[in-house]
Amino acid sequence: MRKVHMSDMIGEPRTLRKSDFAKVANVSPGRVSQMIRAGLPVEPDGRIDVARGRLWIQSNIDPKRSAAQSDQGDLPLAARTDAATERARLVKEQADHAALKNALLRQDLLPAADVEREWTDMLRRVRSRLLAVPSRLRQVLPHLTAHDVGAIDTELRHALEDLANAE
């Protein structure tokens, strides 16, 4: 007794050559080749299982767009970017760009190099003032010994070193 396939019952062969599948799928043979490269399942003999091929097309090919209209024609639907999503992303990027430009014009934002230069200058002045403390204390408090002034100087230098090495 011959085994009957479901495809035999509806009058369509189970597998087709690429050119015949192209006619069934209403695309060119070249487009079938593109779909094969994109993952359309092919039998070991190079033929295409009609049922599996149709399921793959339904899952992976956008019926509203042809491959000629899309630079993503070979990608599965899930991997394609949605035009509305891309448009929204572009609008957001343009809005962010305009906001940054306006903030720069209002001087709400400053160039990083200017900020770094200001902080460097300010910290250099703080360091100089702290290193001058021992000699100023010696002038204001003449009863301090050289050892006392040296201890103060050493502690201030250790504090500055700790700050310089802090991350």
Protein backbone atom coordinates (compact mmCIF):
# COMPACT_ATOMS: atom_id res chain seq x y z
CA MET A 1 0.00 0.00 0.00
CA ARG A 2 1.34 3.43 -0.99
CA LYS A 3 1.80 6.03 1.75
CA VAL A 4 -0.33 9.12 1.03
CA HIS A 5 1.01 12.57 1.92
CA MET A 6 -1.24 15.50 2.69
CA SER A 7 0.29 17.42 -0.22
CA ASP A 8 -0.67 14.56 -2.56
CA MET A 9 -4.25 15.00 -1.48
CA ILE A 10 -4.48 18.65 -2.47
CA GLY A 11 -2.85 18.11 -5.85
CA GLU A 12 0.44 19.87 -5.14
CA PRO A 13 3.82 18.14 -5.03
CA ARG A 14 5.55 18.03 -1.65
CA THR A 15 8.82 19.47 -2.98
CA LEU A 16 9.62 21.67 -5.95
CA ARG A 17 12.66 22.89 -7.83
CA LYS A 18 13.65 26.47 -7.21
CA SER A 19 12.07 27.79 -10.42
CA ASP A 20 8.79 25.97 -9.75
CA PHE A 21 8.70 27.18 -6.13
CA ALA A 22 9.24 30.72 -7.44
CA LYS A 23 6.03 30.40 -9.49
CA VAL A 24 4.09 29.05 -6.49
CA ALA A 25 5.43 31.82 -4.24
CA ASN A 26 4.87 34.44 -6.96
CA VAL A 27 8.49 35.64 -6.91
CA SER A 28 11.42 35.40 -9.29
CA PRO A 29 13.89 32.49 -9.12
CA GLY A 30 16.53 35.03 -8.12
CA ARG A 31 14.39 36.08 -5.17
CA VAL A 32 14.09 32.43 -4.14
CA SER A 33 17.90 32.26 -4.16
CA GLN A 34 17.99 35.34 -1.91
CA MET A 35 15.48 33.73 0.44
CA ILE A 36 17.57 30.54 0.55
CA ARG A 37 20.61 32.61 1.57
CA ALA A 38 18.42 34.23 4.24
CA GLY A 39 17.39 30.84 5.65
CA LEU A 40 14.59 29.38 3.51
CA PRO A 41 14.78 25.64 4.26
CA VAL A 42 16.00 23.49 1.36
CA GLU A 43 16.02 19.69 1.10
CA PRO A 44 19.39 17.91 0.64
CA ASP A 45 18.58 17.39 -3.05
CA GLY A 46 18.18 21.18 -3.51
CA ARG A 47 14.40 21.07 -3.76
CA ILE A 48 12.14 23.14 -1.54
CA ASP A 49 9.46 21.61 0.67
CA VAL A 50 6.38 23.64 -0.34
CA ALA A 51 4.67 23.62 3.08
CA ARG A 52 7.84 24.49 4.99
CA GLY A 53 8.73 27.12 2.38
CA ARG A 54 5.34 28.81 2.70
CA LEU A 55 5.58 28.81 6.49
CA TRP A 56 9.07 30.30 6.28
CA ILE A 57 7.87 33.05 3.93
CA GLN A 58 4.94 33.88 6.24
CA SER A 59 7.28 34.12 9.22
CA ASN A 60 10.17 35.93 7.55
CA ILE A 61 9.02 37.99 4.57
CA ASP A 62 7.05 41.21 4.98
CA PRO A 63 4.17 40.98 2.48
CA LYS A 64 3.89 44.80 2.28
CA ARG A 65 7.42 45.28 0.95
CA SER A 66 9.35 43.81 -1.91
CA ALA A 67 13.05 43.07 -1.66
CA ALA A 68 13.74 45.89 -4.14
CA GLN A 69 12.18 48.38 -1.72
CA SER A 70 14.23 47.29 1.25
CA ASP A 71 17.93 47.15 1.99
CA GLN A 72 16.93 44.56 4.60
CA GLY A 73 15.20 42.26 2.08
CA ASP A 74 17.19 39.17 3.06
CA LEU A 75 16.67 39.61 6.80
CA PRO A 76 14.00 37.74 8.73
CA LEU A 77 11.12 39.98 9.81
CA ALA A 78 12.18 39.88 13.46
CA ALA A 79 15.63 41.26 12.53
CA ARG A 80 14.35 44.12 10.39
CA THR A 81 14.05 47.59 11.77
CA ASP A 82 10.60 49.09 11.71
CA ALA A 83 10.36 52.34 9.73
CA ALA A 84 8.30 54.01 12.46
CA THR A 85 10.87 53.00 15.08
CA GLU A 86 13.71 54.34 12.96
CA ARG A 87 11.82 57.60 12.34
CA ALA A 88 11.17 57.99 16.09
CA ARG A 89 14.85 57.33 16.84
CA LEU A 90 15.90 59.93 14.27
CA VAL A 91 13.50 62.53 15.68
CA LYS A 92 14.81 61.85 19.20
CA GLU A 93 18.44 62.20 18.03
CA GLN A 94 17.60 65.49 16.30
CA ALA A 95 15.86 66.77 19.45
CA ASP A 96 18.84 65.75 21.61
CA HIS A 97 21.20 67.52 19.19
CA ALA A 98 19.12 70.70 19.29
CA ALA A 99 18.94 70.57 23.11
CA LEU A 100 22.73 70.24 23.38
CA LYS A 101 23.26 73.07 20.91
CA ASN A 102 20.87 75.32 22.87
CA ALA A 103 22.54 74.44 26.17
CA LEU A 104 25.92 75.39 24.69
CA LEU A 105 24.54 78.69 23.41
CA ARG A 106 23.04 79.51 26.84
CA GLN A 107 26.37 78.44 28.34
CA ASP A 108 24.62 75.84 30.50
CA LEU A 109 27.31 73.47 29.25
CA LEU A 110 31.00 74.22 29.01
CA PRO A 111 33.74 72.57 27.01
CA ALA A 112 35.44 69.85 29.08
CA ALA A 113 38.90 71.34 28.43
CA ASP A 114 37.82 74.69 29.95
CA VAL A 115 36.37 72.99 33.03
CA GLU A 116 39.48 70.86 33.49
CA ARG A 117 41.74 73.92 33.16
CA GLU A 118 39.72 75.82 35.81
CA TRP A 119 39.76 72.94 38.26
CA THR A 120 43.50 72.40 37.71
CA ASP A 121 44.22 76.08 38.39
CA MET A 122 42.00 76.14 41.47
CA LEU A 123 43.57 72.97 42.94
CA ARG A 124 47.05 74.30 42.22
CA ARG A 125 46.19 77.45 44.24
CA VAL A 126 44.78 75.33 47.11
CA ARG A 127 47.94 73.21 47.16
CA SER A 128 50.19 76.29 47.23
CA ARG A 129 48.18 77.85 50.07
CA LEU A 130 48.31 74.65 52.12
CA LEU A 131 52.05 74.26 51.62
CA ALA A 132 52.50 77.87 52.81
CA VAL A 133 50.61 77.22 56.09
CA PRO A 134 53.66 76.06 58.13
CA SER A 135 55.75 79.15 57.34
CA ARG A 136 52.78 81.47 58.02
CA LEU A 137 52.15 79.71 61.33
CA ARG A 138 55.78 80.22 62.29
CA GLN A 139 55.39 83.98 61.68
CA VAL A 140 52.10 84.21 63.59
CA LEU A 141 53.10 81.83 66.39
CA PRO A 142 56.80 82.48 67.08
CA HIS A 143 56.80 80.09 70.06
CA LEU A 144 56.54 77.07 67.68
CA THR A 145 59.79 75.18 67.34
CA ALA A 146 61.31 74.11 64.05
CA HIS A 147 60.25 70.57 64.99
CA ASP A 148 56.61 71.68 65.46
CA VAL A 149 56.58 73.48 62.12
CA GLY A 150 58.21 70.46 60.45
CA ALA A 151 55.54 68.13 61.89
CA ILE A 152 52.77 70.39 60.59
CA ASP A 153 54.45 70.56 57.18
CA THR A 154 54.83 66.75 57.07
CA GLU A 155 51.16 66.18 57.96
CA LEU A 156 49.96 68.65 55.33
CA ARG A 157 52.13 66.99 52.66
CA HIS A 158 50.83 63.52 53.64
CA ALA A 159 47.25 64.80 53.38
CA LEU A 160 47.97 66.26 49.92
CA GLU A 161 49.61 63.00 48.80
CA ASP A 162 46.62 60.99 50.03
CA LEU A 163 44.29 63.26 48.09
CA ALA A 164 46.44 62.99 44.97
CA ASN A 165 46.43 59.16 45.17
CA ALA A 166 42.70 58.84 45.93
CA GLU A 167 40.64 57.43 43.08
